Amino acid sequence: MHAVGVVGAGGRMGHEVCQAVAAAPDLELVAAIDPGHVGEEICGRTVVGEVTALADLGAEVVVDFTVAEAARQNLAHYAAAGIHAVVGTTGLSASDLAEAADRFAASEANAIVAANFAVGAVLLMRFCELAAPYMDGVEVIELHHDAKRDAPSGTALQTATGIAAARERAGVGPLPADPTTDLVLSGARGAEGPGGVRVHSVRLPGLIAHEEVIFGALGQSLSIRHDAYDRRSFIPGVLLAVRSVADRPGLTVGIEALLGL
């Protein structure tokens, strides 16, 4: 039985995680942390405001769905306190991850940080890596709900990074330069991501999390798309990480290794 605490428990994703942990026969929800919802009851637990309460409440694993500013500090606390961490907060930079890797390398605890816990999204990224060396151009369109704070999404950045790395490994060279010379509206071509991959962000009410990657080559195109219509789509990946984190020393980025990809 794994004793689990959830940080960001009052948020939409945090609440889903609390329900999933409480319903799992091999997991126990022992702590719900959220400074914005102190005193509320979630799945039989009274919400408290400080991550320092995790150890006192007996948490062995913490699931963190907060915001990047909080997660940076929280990761340091989890490593120092020896609490295994599963983090789905987006907006963490490469330097944030490097610092976390150092902290957990020196800790008795381990961490898994993933930009996306949906198995379908992870498969999309893998499929894109397979396609990247064989196509002449590619652009990423990510679409999220209008309350998302960071743009582009962590998944989109990871997708672009994987595409660029796959092309480099295959020795096919960089993507052709963008031929656009007349931008009628600034930013119309999106942002230039790793390896010259263009990334476009859409924010609209009614959306959850969606990504489409469009490849082009002479006389053809290839579109790979993943749609998360419900936040429960992330739960199997989160629970897999909770059950796996104790056996993965240091910091693991993404759940690909957990899936054998």
Foldseek 3Di string as FASTA:
>chain_A
DAEEEEAVCPDPLNLLQLVVQVPDPVHHDQAYEDLVQAQDARSNHGYHHDPVCCVVSPHQEYEYADEQVVVLVVLLVCQVVQHAYEYQHWPQDPVSVVVSLVSLLPGLYAYEYELAQQPLLVVLLVVLLVCLQPFQAKAKEKEAAQVDDDPPGPSRLSSLVSSLVSNVVVVSDAHDDDPDDDDPDPCPQADQHPSRHHYHYHYYHQAHIKMWMWTHHVPDIDIDIDGDNDSCSNNVSSVLCSVCRSVDGGYHYHCCVSVVD
